[in-house]
PDB file of N, CA and C in Angstrom:
ATOM      1  N   UNK A   1     -26.475   5.796  16.653  1.00  0.00           N
ATOM      2  CA  UNK A   1     -26.959   7.084  17.030  1.00  0.00           C
ATOM      3  C   UNK A   1     -26.776   8.001  15.850  1.00  0.00           C
ATOM      4  N   UNK A   2     -27.763   8.937  15.755  1.00  0.00           N
ATOM      5  CA  UNK A   2     -27.694   9.850  14.686  1.00  0.00           C
ATOM      6  C   UNK A   2     -26.621  10.889  14.833  1.00  0.00           C
ATOM      7  N   UNK A   3     -26.229  11.311  15.983  1.00  0.00           N
ATOM      8  CA  UNK A   3     -25.237  12.404  16.206  1.00  0.00           C
ATOM      9  C   UNK A   3     -23.793  11.945  16.077  1.00  0.00           C
ATOM     10  N   UNK A   4     -23.584  10.686  16.163  1.00  0.00           N
ATOM     11  CA  UNK A   4     -22.182  10.102  16.127  1.00  0.00           C
ATOM     12  C   UNK A   4     -21.732  10.125  14.549  1.00  0.00           C
ATOM     13  N   UNK A   5     -20.377  10.329  14.515  1.00  0.00           N
ATOM     14  CA  UNK A   5     -19.765  10.249  13.219  1.00  0.00           C
ATOM     15  C   UNK A   5     -19.345   8.761  13.033  1.00  0.00           C
ATOM     16  N   UNK A   6     -19.611   8.180  11.790  1.00  0.00           N
ATOM     17  CA  UNK A   6     -19.263   6.827  11.646  1.00  0.00           C
ATOM     18  C   UNK A   6     -17.871   6.777  11.049  1.00  0.00           C
ATOM     19  N   UNK A   7     -16.999   5.894  11.588  1.00  0.00           N
ATOM     20  CA  UNK A   7     -15.630   5.747  11.052  1.00  0.00           C
ATOM     21  C   UNK A   7     -15.755   4.670  10.015  1.00  0.00           C
ATOM     22  N   UNK A   8     -15.838   5.158   8.810  1.00  0.00           N
ATOM     23  CA  UNK A   8     -15.978   4.296   7.607  1.00  0.00           C
ATOM     24  C   UNK A   8     -14.685   4.480   6.691  1.00  0.00           C
ATOM     25  N   UNK A   9     -14.000   3.319   6.437  1.00  0.00           N
ATOM     26  CA  UNK A   9     -12.757   3.395   5.665  1.00  0.00           C
ATOM     27  C   UNK A   9     -12.986   3.990   4.339  1.00  0.00           C
ATOM     28  N   UNK A  10     -14.125   3.840   3.723  1.00  0.00           N
ATOM     29  CA  UNK A  10     -14.377   4.299   2.380  1.00  0.00           C
ATOM     30  C   UNK A  10     -14.504   5.894   2.338  1.00  0.00           C
ATOM     31  N   UNK A  11     -14.756   6.520   3.543  1.00  0.00           N
ATOM     32  CA  UNK A  11     -15.030   7.876   3.618  1.00  0.00           C
ATOM     33  C   UNK A  11     -13.841   8.719   3.952  1.00  0.00           C
ATOM     34  N   UNK A  12     -12.725   8.025   3.988  1.00  0.00           N
ATOM     35  CA  UNK A  12     -11.450   8.691   4.448  1.00  0.00           C
ATOM     36  C   UNK A  12     -10.953   9.641   3.338  1.00  0.00           C
ATOM     37  N   UNK A  13     -10.624  10.735   3.764  1.00  0.00           N
ATOM     38  CA  UNK A  13     -10.161  11.884   2.847  1.00  0.00           C
ATOM     39  C   UNK A  13      -8.856  11.433   2.203  1.00  0.00           C
ATOM     40  N   UNK A  14      -8.686  11.544   0.886  1.00  0.00           N
ATOM     41  CA  UNK A  14      -7.472  11.258   0.217  1.00  0.00           C
ATOM     42  C   UNK A  14      -6.863  12.434  -0.397  1.00  0.00           C
ATOM     43  N   UNK A  15      -5.490  12.436  -0.627  1.00  0.00           N
ATOM     44  CA  UNK A  15      -4.783  13.523  -1.043  1.00  0.00           C
ATOM     45  C   UNK A  15      -3.789  13.080  -2.150  1.00  0.00           C
ATOM     46  N   UNK A  16      -3.451  13.938  -3.082  1.00  0.00           N
ATOM     47  CA  UNK A  16      -2.475  13.610  -4.036  1.00  0.00           C
ATOM     48  C   UNK A  16      -1.073  13.789  -3.570  1.00  0.00           C
ATOM     49  N   UNK A  17      -0.057  13.479  -4.257  1.00  0.00           N
ATOM     50  CA  UNK A  17       1.378  13.551  -3.928  1.00  0.00           C
ATOM     51  C   UNK A  17       1.763  14.956  -3.648  1.00  0.00           C
ATOM     52  N   UNK A  18       1.287  15.912  -4.576  1.00  0.00           N
ATOM     53  CA  UNK A  18       1.728  17.272  -4.472  1.00  0.00           C
ATOM     54  C   UNK A  18       1.125  17.991  -3.264  1.00  0.00           C
ATOM     55  N   UNK A  19      -0.083  17.626  -2.951  1.00  0.00           N
ATOM     56  CA  UNK A  19      -0.701  18.241  -1.698  1.00  0.00           C
ATOM     57  C   UNK A  19       0.107  17.756  -0.541  1.00  0.00           C
ATOM     58  N   UNK A  20       0.303  16.487  -0.349  1.00  0.00           N
ATOM     59  CA  UNK A  20       1.092  15.983   0.788  1.00  0.00           C
ATOM     60  C   UNK A  20       2.486  16.536   0.953  1.00  0.00           C
ATOM     61  N   UNK A  21       3.176  16.657  -0.185  1.00  0.00           N
ATOM     62  CA  UNK A  21       4.514  17.179  -0.246  1.00  0.00           C
ATOM     63  C   UNK A  21       4.584  18.649   0.135  1.00  0.00           C
ATOM     64  N   UNK A  22       3.525  19.354  -0.240  1.00  0.00           N
ATOM     65  CA  UNK A  22       3.461  20.901   0.185  1.00  0.00           C
ATOM     66  C   UNK A  22       3.307  21.049   1.711  1.00  0.00           C
ATOM     67  N   UNK A  23       2.665  20.067   2.319  1.00  0.00           N
ATOM     68  CA  UNK A  23       2.314  20.198   3.658  1.00  0.00           C
ATOM     69  C   UNK A  23       3.170  19.151   4.502  1.00  0.00           C
ATOM     70  N   UNK A  24       4.277  18.616   4.014  1.00  0.00           N
ATOM     71  CA  UNK A  24       5.022  17.582   4.656  1.00  0.00           C
ATOM     72  C   UNK A  24       5.426  17.928   6.171  1.00  0.00           C
ATOM     73  N   UNK A  25       5.845  19.149   6.329  1.00  0.00           N
ATOM     74  CA  UNK A  25       6.286  19.559   7.720  1.00  0.00           C
ATOM     75  C   UNK A  25       5.162  19.549   8.678  1.00  0.00           C
ATOM     76  N   UNK A  26       4.071  20.129   8.225  1.00  0.00           N
ATOM     77  CA  UNK A  26       2.887  20.254   9.187  1.00  0.00           C
ATOM     78  C   UNK A  26       2.216  18.976   9.351  1.00  0.00           C
ATOM     79  N   UNK A  27       2.157  18.070   8.437  1.00  0.00           N
ATOM     80  CA  UNK A  27       1.527  16.800   8.546  1.00  0.00           C
ATOM     81  C   UNK A  27       2.339  15.702   9.175  1.00  0.00           C
ATOM     82  N   UNK A  28       3.647  15.635   8.839  1.00  0.00           N
ATOM     83  CA  UNK A  28       4.461  14.530   9.168  1.00  0.00           C
ATOM     84  C   UNK A  28       5.703  14.893  10.019  1.00  0.00           C
ATOM     85  N   UNK A  29       6.092  16.161  10.039  1.00  0.00           N
ATOM     86  CA  UNK A  29       7.195  16.703  10.709  1.00  0.00           C
ATOM     87  C   UNK A  29       8.525  16.397   9.947  1.00  0.00           C
ATOM     88  N   UNK A  30       8.470  16.212   8.640  1.00  0.00           N
ATOM     89  CA  UNK A  30       9.638  15.897   7.872  1.00  0.00           C
ATOM     90  C   UNK A  30       9.656  16.937   6.782  1.00  0.00           C
ATOM     91  N   UNK A  31      10.831  17.054   6.177  1.00  0.00           N
ATOM     92  CA  UNK A  31      11.063  17.970   5.027  1.00  0.00           C
ATOM     93  C   UNK A  31      10.331  17.314   3.844  1.00  0.00           C
ATOM     94  N   UNK A  32      10.004  18.203   2.859  1.00  0.00           N
ATOM     95  CA  UNK A  32       9.328  17.691   1.645  1.00  0.00           C
ATOM     96  C   UNK A  32      10.120  16.662   0.946  1.00  0.00           C
ATOM     97  N   UNK A  33      11.492  16.824   0.906  1.00  0.00           N
ATOM     98  CA  UNK A  33      12.294  15.896   0.310  1.00  0.00           C
ATOM     99  C   UNK A  33      12.212  14.476   0.930  1.00  0.00           C
ATOM    100  N   UNK A  34      12.060  14.452   2.219  1.00  0.00           N
ATOM    101  CA  UNK A  34      11.932  13.179   2.800  1.00  0.00           C
ATOM    102  C   UNK A  34      10.618  12.450   2.460  1.00  0.00           C
ATOM    103  N   UNK A  35       9.547  13.226   2.290  1.00  0.00           N
ATOM    104  CA  UNK A  35       8.277  12.723   1.790  1.00  0.00           C
ATOM    105  C   UNK A  35       8.431  12.221   0.408  1.00  0.00           C
ATOM    106  N   UNK A  36       9.110  12.979  -0.397  1.00  0.00           N
ATOM    107  CA  UNK A  36       9.304  12.511  -1.773  1.00  0.00           C
ATOM    108  C   UNK A  36       9.949  11.159  -1.834  1.00  0.00           C
ATOM    109  N   UNK A  37      11.030  10.952  -0.987  1.00  0.00           N
ATOM    110  CA  UNK A  37      11.639   9.776  -0.863  1.00  0.00           C
ATOM    111  C   UNK A  37      10.793   8.652  -0.393  1.00  0.00           C
ATOM    112  N   UNK A  38       9.912   8.961   0.523  1.00  0.00           N
ATOM    113  CA  UNK A  38       9.051   7.896   1.019  1.00  0.00           C
ATOM    114  C   UNK A  38       8.020   7.464  -0.072  1.00  0.00           C
ATOM    115  N   UNK A  39       7.624   8.486  -0.933  1.00  0.00           N
ATOM    116  CA  UNK A  39       6.596   8.181  -1.906  1.00  0.00           C
ATOM    117  C   UNK A  39       7.359   7.610  -3.248  1.00  0.00           C
ATOM    118  N   UNK A  40       8.677   7.640  -3.371  1.00  0.00           N
ATOM    119  CA  UNK A  40       9.285   7.173  -4.473  1.00  0.00           C
ATOM    120  C   UNK A  40       8.895   5.763  -4.782  1.00  0.00           C
ATOM    121  N   UNK A  41       8.583   5.502  -6.039  1.00  0.00           N
ATOM    122  CA  UNK A  41       8.279   4.125  -6.497  1.00  0.00           C
ATOM    123  C   UNK A  41       6.790   3.953  -6.437  1.00  0.00           C
ATOM    124  N   UNK A  42       5.969   4.836  -5.908  1.00  0.00           N
ATOM    125  CA  UNK A  42       4.515   4.663  -5.912  1.00  0.00           C
ATOM    126  C   UNK A  42       4.057   5.290  -7.225  1.00  0.00           C
ATOM    127  N   UNK A  43       2.799   5.012  -7.609  1.00  0.00           N
ATOM    128  CA  UNK A  43       2.225   5.494  -8.822  1.00  0.00           C
ATOM    129  C   UNK A  43       1.998   7.073  -8.729  1.00  0.00           C
ATOM    130  N   UNK A  44       2.511   7.708  -9.789  1.00  0.00           N
ATOM    131  CA  UNK A  44       2.393   9.192  -9.863  1.00  0.00           C
ATOM    132  C   UNK A  44       0.947   9.685  -9.643  1.00  0.00           C
ATOM    133  N   UNK A  45       0.069   8.890 -10.030  1.00  0.00           N
ATOM    134  CA  UNK A  45      -1.328   9.443  -9.920  1.00  0.00           C
ATOM    135  C   UNK A  45      -2.030   8.863  -8.711  1.00  0.00           C
ATOM    136  N   UNK A  46      -1.355   8.246  -7.832  1.00  0.00           N
ATOM    137  CA  UNK A  46      -1.870   7.565  -6.653  1.00  0.00           C
ATOM    138  C   UNK A  46      -2.324   8.653  -5.663  1.00  0.00           C
ATOM    139  N   UNK A  47      -3.326   8.353  -4.953  1.00  0.00           N
ATOM    140  CA  UNK A  47      -3.865   9.047  -3.758  1.00  0.00           C
ATOM    141  C   UNK A  47      -3.636   8.364  -2.553  1.00  0.00           C
ATOM    142  N   UNK A  48      -3.420   9.142  -1.473  1.00  0.00           N
ATOM    143  CA  UNK A  48      -3.162   8.474  -0.191  1.00  0.00           C
ATOM    144  C   UNK A  48      -4.005   9.136   0.946  1.00  0.00           C
ATOM    145  N   UNK A  49      -4.338   8.312   1.911  1.00  0.00           N
ATOM    146  CA  UNK A  49      -4.911   8.891   3.131  1.00  0.00           C
ATOM    147  C   UNK A  49      -3.739   9.435   4.039  1.00  0.00           C
ATOM    148  N   UNK A  50      -3.903  10.183   4.945  1.00  0.00           N
ATOM    149  CA  UNK A  50      -2.934  10.724   5.856  1.00  0.00           C
ATOM    150  C   UNK A  50      -2.291   9.545   6.620  1.00  0.00           C
ATOM    151  N   UNK A  51      -3.047   8.572   7.014  1.00  0.00           N
ATOM    152  CA  UNK A  51      -2.523   7.437   7.620  1.00  0.00           C
ATOM    153  C   UNK A  51      -1.602   6.538   6.775  1.00  0.00           C
ATOM    154  N   UNK A  52      -2.008   6.405   5.588  1.00  0.00           N
ATOM    155  CA  UNK A  52      -1.217   5.645   4.602  1.00  0.00           C
ATOM    156  C   UNK A  52       0.203   6.279   4.333  1.00  0.00           C
ATOM    157  N   UNK A  53       0.015   7.578   4.184  1.00  0.00           N
ATOM    158  CA  UNK A  53       1.299   8.430   3.903  1.00  0.00           C
ATOM    159  C   UNK A  53       2.191   8.390   5.154  1.00  0.00           C
ATOM    160  N   UNK A  54       1.598   8.487   6.341  1.00  0.00           N
ATOM    161  CA  UNK A  54       2.338   8.476   7.619  1.00  0.00           C
ATOM    162  C   UNK A  54       3.045   7.103   7.713  1.00  0.00           C
ATOM    163  N   UNK A  55       2.456   6.004   7.374  1.00  0.00           N
ATOM    164  CA  UNK A  55       3.053   4.691   7.420  1.00  0.00           C
ATOM    165  C   UNK A  55       4.257   4.628   6.451  1.00  0.00           C
ATOM    166  N   UNK A  56       4.040   5.229   5.234  1.00  0.00           N
ATOM    167  CA  UNK A  56       5.191   5.235   4.264  1.00  0.00           C
ATOM    168  C   UNK A  56       6.380   6.040   4.782  1.00  0.00           C
ATOM    169  N   UNK A  57       6.079   7.206   5.412  1.00  0.00           N
ATOM    170  CA  UNK A  57       7.122   8.093   5.984  1.00  0.00           C
ATOM    171  C   UNK A  57       7.846   7.412   7.052  1.00  0.00           C
ATOM    172  N   UNK A  58       7.128   6.837   8.030  1.00  0.00           N
ATOM    173  CA  UNK A  58       7.739   6.037   9.089  1.00  0.00           C
ATOM    174  C   UNK A  58       8.617   4.906   8.632  1.00  0.00           C
ATOM    175  N   UNK A  59       8.176   4.167   7.689  1.00  0.00           N
ATOM    176  CA  UNK A  59       9.069   3.125   7.037  1.00  0.00           C
ATOM    177  C   UNK A  59      10.242   3.608   6.493  1.00  0.00           C
ATOM    178  N   UNK A  60      10.109   4.767   5.682  1.00  0.00           N
ATOM    179  CA  UNK A  60      11.300   5.365   5.039  1.00  0.00           C
ATOM    180  C   UNK A  60      12.270   5.926   6.017  1.00  0.00           C
ATOM    181  N   UNK A  61      11.767   6.609   6.998  1.00  0.00           N
ATOM    182  CA  UNK A  61      12.656   7.303   8.011  1.00  0.00           C
ATOM    183  C   UNK A  61      13.375   6.202   8.912  1.00  0.00           C
ATOM    184  N   UNK A  62      12.788   5.067   9.105  1.00  0.00           N
ATOM    185  CA  UNK A  62      13.370   4.050   9.983  1.00  0.00           C
ATOM    186  C   UNK A  62      14.170   2.946   9.277  1.00  0.00           C
ATOM    187  N   UNK A  63      14.382   3.058   7.889  1.00  0.00           N
ATOM    188  CA  UNK A  63      15.045   2.111   7.220  1.00  0.00           C
ATOM    189  C   UNK A  63      16.443   2.072   7.660  1.00  0.00           C
ATOM    190  N   UNK A  64      16.987   0.894   7.640  1.00  0.00           N
ATOM    191  CA  UNK A  64      18.400   0.744   8.011  1.00  0.00           C
ATOM    192  C   UNK A  64      19.335   1.069   6.821  1.00  0.00           C
ATOM    193  N   UNK A  65      20.259   1.878   7.026  1.00  0.00           N
ATOM    194  CA  UNK A  65      21.182   2.277   5.976  1.00  0.00           C
ATOM    195  C   UNK A  65      22.525   1.524   6.156  1.00  0.00           C
ATOM    196  N   UNK A  66      23.167   1.205   5.013  1.00  0.00           N
ATOM    197  CA  UNK A  66      24.480   0.425   5.121  1.00  0.00           C
ATOM    198  C   UNK A  66      25.589   1.390   5.180  1.00  0.00           C
TER     199      UNK A  66
END
């Protein structure tokens, strides 16, 4: 149908680390420092979709600590 949006993985909006960190509270409900921890070890020039970043945040926040 012409009026429907197509859910295409390649058209997903991507954001840089700095953009995501600036809006960490609004997007993920975490402090910017928590998002920095979640993104630690990823490529500095990497871009992420909101869903990818949310997955990293969830994994980071749910890690078991000793």
